[in-house]
């Protein structure tokens, strides 16, 4: 378990729903990953590097809604600037399962 935080700390994290509109292989990443472009509606299109190649094909990911933290500082990963962190959970096999809404949601909506 991690350090306890306050509700005010949680409110600083901006988690939004977006739709994956483009997926590319990322051969320069140290661990297998995809380069994603995600549409967050009026917040624009953001890029992310995501280590989700074990359980998801590019075809499965196209037009899939995901949740992501959008207010982290961008992170340089090899030759790619990752702007958001797509959220997932490691399953019992150590593979990332995406966190997503159970119903379609407008892109850019905030998770609360």
PDB file of N, CA and C in Angstrom:
ATOM      1  N   UNK A   1       0.844  -1.177   0.000  1.00  0.00           N
ATOM      2  CA  UNK A   1       0.000   0.000   0.000  1.00  0.00           C
ATOM      3  C   UNK A   1       0.890   1.242   0.000  1.00  0.00           C
ATOM      4  N   UNK A   2       0.458   2.246  -0.728  1.00  0.00           N
ATOM      5  CA  UNK A   2       1.240   3.479  -0.822  1.00  0.00           C
ATOM      6  C   UNK A   2       0.846   4.442   0.292  1.00  0.00           C
ATOM      7  N   UNK A   3       1.603   5.503   0.383  1.00  0.00           N
ATOM      8  CA  UNK A   3       1.382   6.550   1.380  1.00  0.00           C
ATOM      9  C   UNK A   3      -0.029   7.130   1.262  1.00  0.00           C
ATOM     10  N   UNK A   4      -0.658   7.371   2.395  1.00  0.00           N
ATOM     11  CA  UNK A   4      -1.993   7.969   2.419  1.00  0.00           C
ATOM     12  C   UNK A   4      -1.927   9.409   1.917  1.00  0.00           C
ATOM     13  N   UNK A   5      -2.908   9.786   1.106  1.00  0.00           N
ATOM     14  CA  UNK A   5      -2.981  11.150   0.597  1.00  0.00           C
ATOM     15  C   UNK A   5      -4.316  11.759   0.993  1.00  0.00           C
ATOM     16  N   UNK A   6      -4.415  13.051   0.860  1.00  0.00           N
ATOM     17  CA  UNK A   6      -5.664  13.741   1.174  1.00  0.00           C
ATOM     18  C   UNK A   6      -6.556  13.785  -0.062  1.00  0.00           C
ATOM     19  N   UNK A   7      -7.817  14.096   0.131  1.00  0.00           N
ATOM     20  CA  UNK A   7      -8.739  14.242  -0.983  1.00  0.00           C
ATOM     21  C   UNK A   7      -8.270  15.371  -1.898  1.00  0.00           C
ATOM     22  N   UNK A   8      -7.691  16.417  -1.311  1.00  0.00           N
ATOM     23  CA  UNK A   8      -7.165  17.534  -2.103  1.00  0.00           C
ATOM     24  C   UNK A   8      -6.033  17.066  -3.027  1.00  0.00           C
ATOM     25  N   UNK A   9      -5.212  16.116  -2.549  1.00  0.00           N
ATOM     26  CA  UNK A   9      -4.166  15.548  -3.397  1.00  0.00           C
ATOM     27  C   UNK A   9      -4.795  14.829  -4.590  1.00  0.00           C
ATOM     28  N   UNK A  10      -5.835  14.044  -4.345  1.00  0.00           N
ATOM     29  CA  UNK A  10      -6.524  13.323  -5.418  1.00  0.00           C
ATOM     30  C   UNK A  10      -7.090  14.299  -6.442  1.00  0.00           C
ATOM     31  N   UNK A  11      -7.630  15.418  -5.983  1.00  0.00           N
ATOM     32  CA  UNK A  11      -8.238  16.385  -6.893  1.00  0.00           C
ATOM     33  C   UNK A  11      -7.221  17.010  -7.847  1.00  0.00           C
ATOM     34  N   UNK A  12      -5.942  16.925  -7.523  1.00  0.00           N
ATOM     35  CA  UNK A  12      -4.899  17.458  -8.405  1.00  0.00           C
ATOM     36  C   UNK A  12      -4.702  16.586  -9.642  1.00  0.00           C
ATOM     37  N   UNK A  13      -5.099  15.325  -9.560  1.00  0.00           N
ATOM     38  CA  UNK A  13      -4.921  14.390 -10.677  1.00  0.00           C
ATOM     39  C   UNK A  13      -6.088  14.561 -11.644  1.00  0.00           C
ATOM     40  N   UNK A  14      -5.769  14.860 -12.899  1.00  0.00           N
ATOM     41  CA  UNK A  14      -6.800  15.086 -13.914  1.00  0.00           C
ATOM     42  C   UNK A  14      -6.907  13.842 -14.804  1.00  0.00           C
ATOM     43  N   UNK A  15      -7.907  13.000 -14.511  1.00  0.00           N
ATOM     44  CA  UNK A  15      -8.127  11.770 -15.265  1.00  0.00           C
ATOM     45  C   UNK A  15      -9.285  12.019 -16.219  1.00  0.00           C
ATOM     46  N   UNK A  16      -9.057  11.757 -17.498  1.00  0.00           N
ATOM     47  CA  UNK A  16     -10.066  12.029 -18.526  1.00  0.00           C
ATOM     48  C   UNK A  16     -10.277  10.789 -19.395  1.00  0.00           C
ATOM     49  N   UNK A  17     -11.408  10.780 -20.074  1.00  0.00           N
ATOM     50  CA  UNK A  17     -11.740   9.733 -21.033  1.00  0.00           C
ATOM     51  C   UNK A  17     -11.389  10.222 -22.434  1.00  0.00           C
ATOM     52  N   UNK A  18     -10.745   9.365 -23.214  1.00  0.00           N
ATOM     53  CA  UNK A  18     -10.414   9.700 -24.593  1.00  0.00           C
ATOM     54  C   UNK A  18     -10.528   8.478 -25.482  1.00  0.00           C
ATOM     55  N   UNK A  19     -10.564   8.710 -26.777  1.00  0.00           N
ATOM     56  CA  UNK A  19     -10.671   7.635 -27.757  1.00  0.00           C
ATOM     57  C   UNK A  19      -9.376   7.528 -28.554  1.00  0.00           C
ATOM     58  N   UNK A  20      -8.848   6.324 -28.636  1.00  0.00           N
ATOM     59  CA  UNK A  20      -7.624   6.083 -29.412  1.00  0.00           C
ATOM     60  C   UNK A  20      -7.960   6.214 -30.892  1.00  0.00           C
ATOM     61  N   UNK A  21      -7.252   7.126 -31.567  1.00  0.00           N
ATOM     62  CA  UNK A  21      -7.541   7.359 -32.989  1.00  0.00           C
ATOM     63  C   UNK A  21      -6.394   6.924 -33.900  1.00  0.00           C
ATOM     64  N   UNK A  22      -5.232   6.639 -33.313  1.00  0.00           N
ATOM     65  CA  UNK A  22      -4.097   6.170 -34.112  1.00  0.00           C
ATOM     66  C   UNK A  22      -3.180   5.348 -33.234  1.00  0.00           C
ATOM     67  N   UNK A  23      -2.674   4.242 -33.779  1.00  0.00           N
ATOM     68  CA  UNK A  23      -1.762   3.354 -33.064  1.00  0.00           C
ATOM     69  C   UNK A  23      -0.596   3.028 -33.982  1.00  0.00           C
ATOM     70  N   UNK A  24       0.627   3.151 -33.437  1.00  0.00           N
ATOM     71  CA  UNK A  24       1.816   2.776 -34.200  1.00  0.00           C
ATOM     72  C   UNK A  24       2.720   1.921 -33.322  1.00  0.00           C
ATOM     73  N   UNK A  25       3.468   1.019 -33.966  1.00  0.00           N
ATOM     74  CA  UNK A  25       4.479   0.260 -33.241  1.00  0.00           C
ATOM     75  C   UNK A  25       5.541   1.233 -32.731  1.00  0.00           C
ATOM     76  N   UNK A  26       6.231   0.849 -31.663  1.00  0.00           N
ATOM     77  CA  UNK A  26       7.253   1.699 -31.067  1.00  0.00           C
ATOM     78  C   UNK A  26       8.533   0.873 -30.886  1.00  0.00           C
ATOM     79  N   UNK A  27       9.241   0.605 -31.988  1.00  0.00           N
ATOM     80  CA  UNK A  27      10.410  -0.272 -31.922  1.00  0.00           C
ATOM     81  C   UNK A  27      11.562   0.277 -31.079  1.00  0.00           C
ATOM     82  N   UNK A  28      11.625   1.586 -30.854  1.00  0.00           N
ATOM     83  CA  UNK A  28      12.726   2.163 -30.072  1.00  0.00           C
ATOM     84  C   UNK A  28      12.485   2.101 -28.560  1.00  0.00           C
ATOM     85  N   UNK A  29      11.297   1.713 -28.134  1.00  0.00           N
ATOM     86  CA  UNK A  29      11.012   1.601 -26.697  1.00  0.00           C
ATOM     87  C   UNK A  29      11.800   0.422 -26.110  1.00  0.00           C
ATOM     88  N   UNK A  30      12.240   0.551 -24.848  1.00  0.00           N
ATOM     89  CA  UNK A  30      12.985  -0.529 -24.197  1.00  0.00           C
ATOM     90  C   UNK A  30      12.110  -1.758 -23.987  1.00  0.00           C
ATOM     91  N   UNK A  31      10.849  -1.546 -23.594  1.00  0.00           N
ATOM     92  CA  UNK A  31       9.885  -2.634 -23.438  1.00  0.00           C
ATOM     93  C   UNK A  31       8.855  -2.492 -24.550  1.00  0.00           C
ATOM     94  N   UNK A  32       8.290  -3.611 -25.024  1.00  0.00           N
ATOM     95  CA  UNK A  32       7.303  -3.520 -26.109  1.00  0.00           C
ATOM     96  C   UNK A  32       6.176  -2.537 -25.780  1.00  0.00           C
ATOM     97  N   UNK A  33       5.906  -1.624 -26.715  1.00  0.00           N
ATOM     98  CA  UNK A  33       4.903  -0.584 -26.491  1.00  0.00           C
ATOM     99  C   UNK A  33       4.328  -0.119 -27.823  1.00  0.00           C
ATOM    100  N   UNK A  34       3.206   0.570 -27.712  1.00  0.00           N
ATOM    101  CA  UNK A  34       2.608   1.256 -28.855  1.00  0.00           C
ATOM    102  C   UNK A  34       2.715   2.758 -28.634  1.00  0.00           C
ATOM    103  N   UNK A  35       2.760   3.503 -29.724  1.00  0.00           N
ATOM    104  CA  UNK A  35       2.596   4.953 -29.691  1.00  0.00           C
ATOM    105  C   UNK A  35       1.128   5.212 -30.024  1.00  0.00           C
ATOM    106  N   UNK A  36       0.432   5.896 -29.135  1.00  0.00           N
ATOM    107  CA  UNK A  36      -0.989   6.157 -29.307  1.00  0.00           C
ATOM    108  C   UNK A  36      -1.247   7.636 -29.515  1.00  0.00           C
ATOM    109  N   UNK A  37      -2.256   7.948 -30.320  1.00  0.00           N
ATOM    110  CA  UNK A  37      -2.828   9.290 -30.380  1.00  0.00           C
ATOM    111  C   UNK A  37      -4.246   9.138 -29.867  1.00  0.00           C
ATOM    112  N   UNK A  38      -4.584   9.971 -28.876  1.00  0.00           N
ATOM    113  CA  UNK A  38      -5.864   9.848 -28.188  1.00  0.00           C
ATOM    114  C   UNK A  38      -6.618  11.164 -28.287  1.00  0.00           C
ATOM    115  N   UNK A  39      -7.872  11.088 -28.688  1.00  0.00           N
ATOM    116  CA  UNK A  39      -8.741  12.269 -28.829  1.00  0.00           C
ATOM    117  C   UNK A  39      -9.449  12.528 -27.511  1.00  0.00           C
ATOM    118  N   UNK A  40      -9.156  13.676 -26.908  1.00  0.00           N
ATOM    119  CA  UNK A  40      -9.792  14.091 -25.658  1.00  0.00           C
ATOM    120  C   UNK A  40     -10.793  15.218 -25.902  1.00  0.00           C
ATOM    121  N   UNK A  41     -11.463  15.192 -27.025  1.00  0.00           N
ATOM    122  CA  UNK A  41     -12.502  16.175 -27.331  1.00  0.00           C
ATOM    123  C   UNK A  41     -11.944  17.580 -27.375  1.00  0.00           C
ATOM    124  N   UNK A  42     -12.590  18.497 -26.627  1.00  0.00           N
ATOM    125  CA  UNK A  42     -12.163  19.900 -26.667  1.00  0.00           C
ATOM    126  C   UNK A  42     -10.793  20.132 -26.034  1.00  0.00           C
ATOM    127  N   UNK A  43     -10.218  19.111 -25.389  1.00  0.00           N
ATOM    128  CA  UNK A  43      -8.870  19.223 -24.832  1.00  0.00           C
ATOM    129  C   UNK A  43      -7.797  18.892 -25.865  1.00  0.00           C
ATOM    130  N   UNK A  44      -8.221  18.394 -27.017  1.00  0.00           N
ATOM    131  CA  UNK A  44      -7.297  18.110 -28.101  1.00  0.00           C
ATOM    132  C   UNK A  44      -6.837  16.669 -28.174  1.00  0.00           C
ATOM    133  N   UNK A  45      -5.913  16.442 -29.086  1.00  0.00           N
ATOM    134  CA  UNK A  45      -5.336  15.115 -29.299  1.00  0.00           C
ATOM    135  C   UNK A  45      -3.996  15.069 -28.589  1.00  0.00           C
ATOM    136  N   UNK A  46      -3.805  14.028 -27.791  1.00  0.00           N
ATOM    137  CA  UNK A  46      -2.580  13.872 -27.005  1.00  0.00           C
ATOM    138  C   UNK A  46      -1.926  12.546 -27.372  1.00  0.00           C
ATOM    139  N   UNK A  47      -0.609  12.470 -27.160  1.00  0.00           N
ATOM    140  CA  UNK A  47       0.161  11.269 -27.465  1.00  0.00           C
ATOM    141  C   UNK A  47       0.526  10.529 -26.181  1.00  0.00           C
ATOM    142  N   UNK A  48       0.622   9.201 -26.305  1.00  0.00           N
ATOM    143  CA  UNK A  48       1.041   8.382 -25.177  1.00  0.00           C
ATOM    144  C   UNK A  48       1.795   7.163 -25.667  1.00  0.00           C
ATOM    145  N   UNK A  49       2.799   6.769 -24.901  1.00  0.00           N
ATOM    146  CA  UNK A  49       3.461   5.488 -25.103  1.00  0.00           C
ATOM    147  C   UNK A  49       2.841   4.537 -24.088  1.00  0.00           C
ATOM    148  N   UNK A  50       2.370   3.388 -24.567  1.00  0.00           N
ATOM    149  CA  UNK A  50       1.682   2.462 -23.659  1.00  0.00           C
ATOM    150  C   UNK A  50       2.193   1.041 -23.863  1.00  0.00           C
ATOM    151  N   UNK A  51       2.566   0.397 -22.760  1.00  0.00           N
ATOM    152  CA  UNK A  51       3.067  -0.981 -22.798  1.00  0.00           C
ATOM    153  C   UNK A  51       1.885  -1.944 -22.698  1.00  0.00           C
ATOM    154  N   UNK A  52       1.102  -1.993 -23.764  1.00  0.00           N
ATOM    155  CA  UNK A  52      -0.121  -2.801 -23.768  1.00  0.00           C
ATOM    156  C   UNK A  52      -0.139  -3.778 -24.939  1.00  0.00           C
ATOM    157  N   UNK A  53       1.029  -4.121 -25.451  1.00  0.00           N
ATOM    158  CA  UNK A  53       1.114  -4.971 -26.642  1.00  0.00           C
ATOM    159  C   UNK A  53       0.797  -6.435 -26.354  1.00  0.00           C
ATOM    160  N   UNK A  54       0.896  -6.868 -25.102  1.00  0.00           N
ATOM    161  CA  UNK A  54       0.663  -8.279 -24.782  1.00  0.00           C
ATOM    162  C   UNK A  54      -0.791  -8.691 -24.979  1.00  0.00           C
ATOM    163  N   UNK A  55      -1.720  -7.835 -24.585  1.00  0.00           N
ATOM    164  CA  UNK A  55      -3.133  -8.215 -24.596  1.00  0.00           C
ATOM    165  C   UNK A  55      -3.962  -7.532 -25.670  1.00  0.00           C
ATOM    166  N   UNK A  56      -3.383  -6.525 -26.354  1.00  0.00           N
ATOM    167  CA  UNK A  56      -4.172  -5.739 -27.305  1.00  0.00           C
ATOM    168  C   UNK A  56      -3.457  -5.621 -28.651  1.00  0.00           C
ATOM    169  N   UNK A  57      -4.194  -5.885 -29.721  1.00  0.00           N
ATOM    170  CA  UNK A  57      -3.671  -5.637 -31.067  1.00  0.00           C
ATOM    171  C   UNK A  57      -3.998  -4.200 -31.448  1.00  0.00           C
ATOM    172  N   UNK A  58      -3.327  -3.715 -32.454  1.00  0.00           N
ATOM    173  CA  UNK A  58      -3.609  -2.360 -32.944  1.00  0.00           C
ATOM    174  C   UNK A  58      -5.053  -2.263 -33.418  1.00  0.00           C
ATOM    175  N   UNK A  59      -5.544  -3.306 -34.049  1.00  0.00           N
ATOM    176  CA  UNK A  59      -6.927  -3.300 -34.546  1.00  0.00           C
ATOM    177  C   UNK A  59      -7.931  -3.219 -33.396  1.00  0.00           C
ATOM    178  N   UNK A  60      -7.653  -3.911 -32.300  1.00  0.00           N
ATOM    179  CA  UNK A  60      -8.543  -3.869 -31.134  1.00  0.00           C
ATOM    180  C   UNK A  60      -8.555  -2.490 -30.473  1.00  0.00           C
ATOM    181  N   UNK A  61      -7.430  -1.820 -30.515  1.00  0.00           N
ATOM    182  CA  UNK A  61      -7.301  -0.537 -29.826  1.00  0.00           C
ATOM    183  C   UNK A  61      -7.923   0.635 -30.582  1.00  0.00           C
ATOM    184  N   UNK A  62      -7.958   0.542 -31.902  1.00  0.00           N
ATOM    185  CA  UNK A  62      -8.483   1.648 -32.691  1.00  0.00           C
ATOM    186  C   UNK A  62      -9.933   1.921 -32.304  1.00  0.00           C
ATOM    187  N   UNK A  63     -10.221   3.172 -31.962  1.00  0.00           N
ATOM    188  CA  UNK A  63     -11.547   3.650 -31.544  1.00  0.00           C
ATOM    189  C   UNK A  63     -11.977   3.162 -30.161  1.00  0.00           C
ATOM    190  N   UNK A  64     -11.048   2.601 -29.387  1.00  0.00           N
ATOM    191  CA  UNK A  64     -11.351   2.171 -28.017  1.00  0.00           C
ATOM    192  C   UNK A  64     -11.202   3.363 -27.078  1.00  0.00           C
ATOM    193  N   UNK A  65     -12.157   3.516 -26.167  1.00  0.00           N
ATOM    194  CA  UNK A  65     -12.033   4.568 -25.162  1.00  0.00           C
ATOM    195  C   UNK A  65     -11.162   4.081 -24.010  1.00  0.00           C
ATOM    196  N   UNK A  66     -10.329   4.986 -23.503  1.00  0.00           N
ATOM    197  CA  UNK A  66      -9.438   4.688 -22.390  1.00  0.00           C
ATOM    198  C   UNK A  66      -9.499   5.833 -21.390  1.00  0.00           C
ATOM    199  N   UNK A  67      -9.019   5.554 -20.191  1.00  0.00           N
ATOM    200  CA  UNK A  67      -8.860   6.617 -19.199  1.00  0.00           C
ATOM    201  C   UNK A  67      -7.374   6.936 -19.099  1.00  0.00           C
ATOM    202  N   UNK A  68      -7.068   8.219 -18.899  1.00  0.00           N
ATOM    203  CA  UNK A  68      -5.671   8.641 -18.858  1.00  0.00           C
ATOM    204  C   UNK A  68      -5.509   9.850 -17.949  1.00  0.00           C
ATOM    205  N   UNK A  69      -4.351   9.925 -17.320  1.00  0.00           N
ATOM    206  CA  UNK A  69      -3.988  11.120 -16.559  1.00  0.00           C
ATOM    207  C   UNK A  69      -3.394  12.090 -17.563  1.00  0.00           C
ATOM    208  N   UNK A  70      -3.992  13.279 -17.635  1.00  0.00           N
ATOM    209  CA  UNK A  70      -3.560  14.224 -18.674  1.00  0.00           C
ATOM    210  C   UNK A  70      -2.723  15.382 -18.136  1.00  0.00           C
ATOM    211  N   UNK A  71      -2.525  15.459 -16.813  1.00  0.00           N
ATOM    212  CA  UNK A  71      -1.781  16.607 -16.296  1.00  0.00           C
ATOM    213  C   UNK A  71      -0.419  16.252 -15.689  1.00  0.00           C
ATOM    214  N   UNK A  72       0.156  15.125 -16.110  1.00  0.00           N
ATOM    215  CA  UNK A  72       1.558  14.861 -15.794  1.00  0.00           C
ATOM    216  C   UNK A  72       2.422  15.672 -16.752  1.00  0.00           C
ATOM    217  N   UNK A  73       3.657  15.957 -16.341  1.00  0.00           N
ATOM    218  CA  UNK A  73       4.595  16.586 -17.262  1.00  0.00           C
ATOM    219  C   UNK A  73       4.894  15.583 -18.377  1.00  0.00           C
ATOM    220  N   UNK A  74       5.004  16.050 -19.619  1.00  0.00           N
ATOM    221  CA  UNK A  74       5.352  15.134 -20.716  1.00  0.00           C
ATOM    222  C   UNK A  74       6.670  14.422 -20.420  1.00  0.00           C
ATOM    223  N   UNK A  75       6.762  13.174 -20.910  1.00  0.00           N
ATOM    224  CA  UNK A  75       7.944  12.355 -20.637  1.00  0.00           C
ATOM    225  C   UNK A  75       8.547  11.879 -21.954  1.00  0.00           C
ATOM    226  N   UNK A  76       9.846  12.110 -22.106  1.00  0.00           N
ATOM    227  CA  UNK A  76      10.557  11.670 -23.306  1.00  0.00           C
ATOM    228  C   UNK A  76      10.873  10.193 -23.176  1.00  0.00           C
ATOM    229  N   UNK A  77      10.376   9.393 -24.123  1.00  0.00           N
ATOM    230  CA  UNK A  77      10.658   7.961 -24.157  1.00  0.00           C
ATOM    231  C   UNK A  77      11.278   7.676 -25.522  1.00  0.00           C
ATOM    232  N   UNK A  78      12.562   7.411 -25.516  1.00  0.00           N
ATOM    233  CA  UNK A  78      13.342   7.273 -26.763  1.00  0.00           C
ATOM    234  C   UNK A  78      13.116   8.532 -27.600  1.00  0.00           C
ATOM    235  N   UNK A  79      12.614   8.380 -28.814  1.00  0.00           N
ATOM    236  CA  UNK A  79      12.419   9.539 -29.699  1.00  0.00           C
ATOM    237  C   UNK A  79      10.979  10.044 -29.693  1.00  0.00           C
ATOM    238  N   UNK A  80      10.225   9.723 -28.640  1.00  0.00           N
ATOM    239  CA  UNK A  80       8.789  10.017 -28.577  1.00  0.00           C
ATOM    240  C   UNK A  80       8.461  10.766 -27.289  1.00  0.00           C
ATOM    241  N   UNK A  81       7.655  11.837 -27.397  1.00  0.00           N
ATOM    242  CA  UNK A  81       7.236  12.596 -26.221  1.00  0.00           C
ATOM    243  C   UNK A  81       5.841  12.130 -25.816  1.00  0.00           C
ATOM    244  N   UNK A  82       5.771  11.439 -24.694  1.00  0.00           N
ATOM    245  CA  UNK A  82       4.500  10.929 -24.175  1.00  0.00           C
ATOM    246  C   UNK A  82       3.863  12.010 -23.306  1.00  0.00           C
ATOM    247  N   UNK A  83       2.641  12.430 -23.673  1.00  0.00           N
ATOM    248  CA  UNK A  83       1.990  13.559 -23.001  1.00  0.00           C
ATOM    249  C   UNK A  83       1.001  13.150 -21.928  1.00  0.00           C
ATOM    250  N   UNK A  84       0.480  11.929 -22.007  1.00  0.00           N
ATOM    251  CA  UNK A  84      -0.511  11.460 -21.033  1.00  0.00           C
ATOM    252  C   UNK A  84      -0.167  10.039 -20.610  1.00  0.00           C
ATOM    253  N   UNK A  85      -0.695   9.624 -19.454  1.00  0.00           N
ATOM    254  CA  UNK A  85      -0.473   8.272 -18.945  1.00  0.00           C
ATOM    255  C   UNK A  85      -1.782   7.499 -19.024  1.00  0.00           C
ATOM    256  N   UNK A  86      -1.826   6.517 -19.923  1.00  0.00           N
ATOM    257  CA  UNK A  86      -2.994   5.650 -20.056  1.00  0.00           C
ATOM    258  C   UNK A  86      -3.015   4.716 -18.845  1.00  0.00           C
ATOM    259  N   UNK A  87      -4.196   4.557 -18.240  1.00  0.00           N
ATOM    260  CA  UNK A  87      -4.303   3.787 -17.007  1.00  0.00           C
ATOM    261  C   UNK A  87      -4.645   2.325 -17.256  1.00  0.00           C
ATOM    262  N   UNK A  88      -3.991   1.472 -16.504  1.00  0.00           N
ATOM    263  CA  UNK A  88      -4.228   0.040 -16.599  1.00  0.00           C
ATOM    264  C   UNK A  88      -3.825  -0.637 -15.301  1.00  0.00           C
ATOM    265  N   UNK A  89      -4.105  -1.930 -15.235  1.00  0.00           N
ATOM    266  CA  UNK A  89      -3.792  -2.739 -14.058  1.00  0.00           C
ATOM    267  C   UNK A  89      -3.058  -3.985 -14.540  1.00  0.00           C
ATOM    268  N   UNK A  90      -2.021  -4.398 -13.806  1.00  0.00           N
ATOM    269  CA  UNK A  90      -1.338  -5.635 -14.134  1.00  0.00           C
ATOM    270  C   UNK A  90      -2.201  -6.818 -13.697  1.00  0.00           C
ATOM    271  N   UNK A  91      -2.414  -7.772 -14.617  1.00  0.00           N
ATOM    272  CA  UNK A  91      -3.162  -8.972 -14.250  1.00  0.00           C
ATOM    273  C   UNK A  91      -2.218  -9.972 -13.591  1.00  0.00           C
ATOM    274  N   UNK A  92      -2.701 -11.163 -13.276  1.00  0.00           N
ATOM    275  CA  UNK A  92      -1.879 -12.156 -12.572  1.00  0.00           C
ATOM    276  C   UNK A  92      -0.699 -12.642 -13.408  1.00  0.00           C
ATOM    277  N   UNK A  93      -0.756 -12.443 -14.725  1.00  0.00           N
ATOM    278  CA  UNK A  93       0.354 -12.817 -15.602  1.00  0.00           C
ATOM    279  C   UNK A  93       1.333 -11.665 -15.826  1.00  0.00           C
ATOM    280  N   UNK A  94       1.101 -10.518 -15.162  1.00  0.00           N
ATOM    281  CA  UNK A  94       1.983  -9.368 -15.302  1.00  0.00           C
ATOM    282  C   UNK A  94       1.761  -8.577 -16.573  1.00  0.00           C
ATOM    283  N   UNK A  95       0.586  -8.736 -17.186  1.00  0.00           N
ATOM    284  CA  UNK A  95       0.250  -8.014 -18.411  1.00  0.00           C
ATOM    285  C   UNK A  95      -0.760  -6.923 -18.094  1.00  0.00           C
ATOM    286  N   UNK A  96      -0.662  -5.791 -18.804  1.00  0.00           N
ATOM    287  CA  UNK A  96      -1.490  -4.632 -18.506  1.00  0.00           C
ATOM    288  C   UNK A  96      -2.882  -4.782 -19.129  1.00  0.00           C
ATOM    289  N   UNK A  97      -3.892  -4.632 -18.274  1.00  0.00           N
ATOM    290  CA  UNK A  97      -5.296  -4.594 -18.695  1.00  0.00           C
ATOM    291  C   UNK A  97      -5.747  -3.146 -18.573  1.00  0.00           C
ATOM    292  N   UNK A  98      -6.291  -2.593 -19.643  1.00  0.00           N
ATOM    293  CA  UNK A  98      -6.714  -1.193 -19.648  1.00  0.00           C
ATOM    294  C   UNK A  98      -7.902  -0.956 -18.724  1.00  0.00           C
ATOM    295  N   UNK A  99      -7.892   0.197 -18.061  1.00  0.00           N
ATOM    296  CA  UNK A  99      -9.059   0.649 -17.297  1.00  0.00           C
ATOM    297  C   UNK A  99      -9.918   1.458 -18.250  1.00  0.00           C
ATOM    298  N   UNK A 100     -11.189   1.123 -18.320  1.00  0.00           N
ATOM    299  CA  UNK A 100     -12.070   1.850 -19.222  1.00  0.00           C
ATOM    300  C   UNK A 100     -13.479   1.886 -18.661  1.00  0.00           C
ATOM    301  N   UNK A 101     -14.252   2.847 -19.143  1.00  0.00           N
ATOM    302  CA  UNK A 101     -15.635   2.994 -18.718  1.00  0.00           C
ATOM    303  C   UNK A 101     -16.472   1.843 -19.269  1.00  0.00           C
ATOM    304  N   UNK A 102     -17.511   1.481 -18.551  1.00  0.00           N
ATOM    305  CA  UNK A 102     -18.361   0.375 -18.989  1.00  0.00           C
ATOM    306  C   UNK A 102     -19.343   0.794 -20.082  1.00  0.00           C
ATOM    307  N   UNK A 103     -19.521   2.093 -20.282  1.00  0.00           N
ATOM    308  CA  UNK A 103     -20.394   2.619 -21.344  1.00  0.00           C
ATOM    309  C   UNK A 103     -19.648   3.760 -22.039  1.00  0.00           C
ATOM    310  N   UNK A 104     -20.060   4.071 -23.272  1.00  0.00           N
ATOM    311  CA  UNK A 104     -19.422   5.159 -24.024  1.00  0.00           C
ATOM    312  C   UNK A 104     -19.626   6.495 -23.313  1.00  0.00           C
ATOM    313  N   UNK A 105     -18.584   7.301 -23.317  1.00  0.00           N
ATOM    314  CA  UNK A 105     -18.585   8.606 -22.653  1.00  0.00           C
ATOM    315  C   UNK A 105     -18.011   9.629 -23.620  1.00  0.00           C
ATOM    316  N   UNK A 106     -18.474  10.845 -23.528  1.00  0.00           N
ATOM    317  CA  UNK A 106     -17.957  11.922 -24.368  1.00  0.00           C
ATOM    318  C   UNK A 106     -16.462  12.110 -24.119  1.00  0.00           C
ATOM    319  N   UNK A 107     -15.688  12.194 -25.194  1.00  0.00           N
ATOM    320  CA  UNK A 107     -14.241  12.415 -25.059  1.00  0.00           C
ATOM    321  C   UNK A 107     -13.973  13.694 -24.275  1.00  0.00           C
ATOM    322  N   UNK A 108     -13.012  13.591 -23.350  1.00  0.00           N
ATOM    323  CA  UNK A 108     -12.628  14.734 -22.552  1.00  0.00           C
ATOM    324  C   UNK A 108     -13.315  14.806 -21.194  1.00  0.00           C
ATOM    325  N   UNK A 109     -14.329  13.962 -20.978  1.00  0.00           N
ATOM    326  CA  UNK A 109     -15.028  13.984 -19.692  1.00  0.00           C
ATOM    327  C   UNK A 109     -14.070  13.581 -18.584  1.00  0.00           C
ATOM    328  N   UNK A 110     -14.230  14.217 -17.434  1.00  0.00           N
ATOM    329  CA  UNK A 110     -13.350  13.989 -16.301  1.00  0.00           C
ATOM    330  C   UNK A 110     -13.867  12.857 -15.435  1.00  0.00           C
ATOM    331  N   UNK A 111     -12.931  11.999 -14.997  1.00  0.00           N
ATOM    332  CA  UNK A 111     -13.254  10.928 -14.065  1.00  0.00           C
ATOM    333  C   UNK A 111     -13.266  11.545 -12.662  1.00  0.00           C
ATOM    334  N   UNK A 112     -14.321  11.244 -11.921  1.00  0.00           N
ATOM    335  CA  UNK A 112     -14.394  11.807 -10.561  1.00  0.00           C
ATOM    336  C   UNK A 112     -14.786  10.763  -9.563  1.00  0.00           C
TER     337      UNK A 112
END
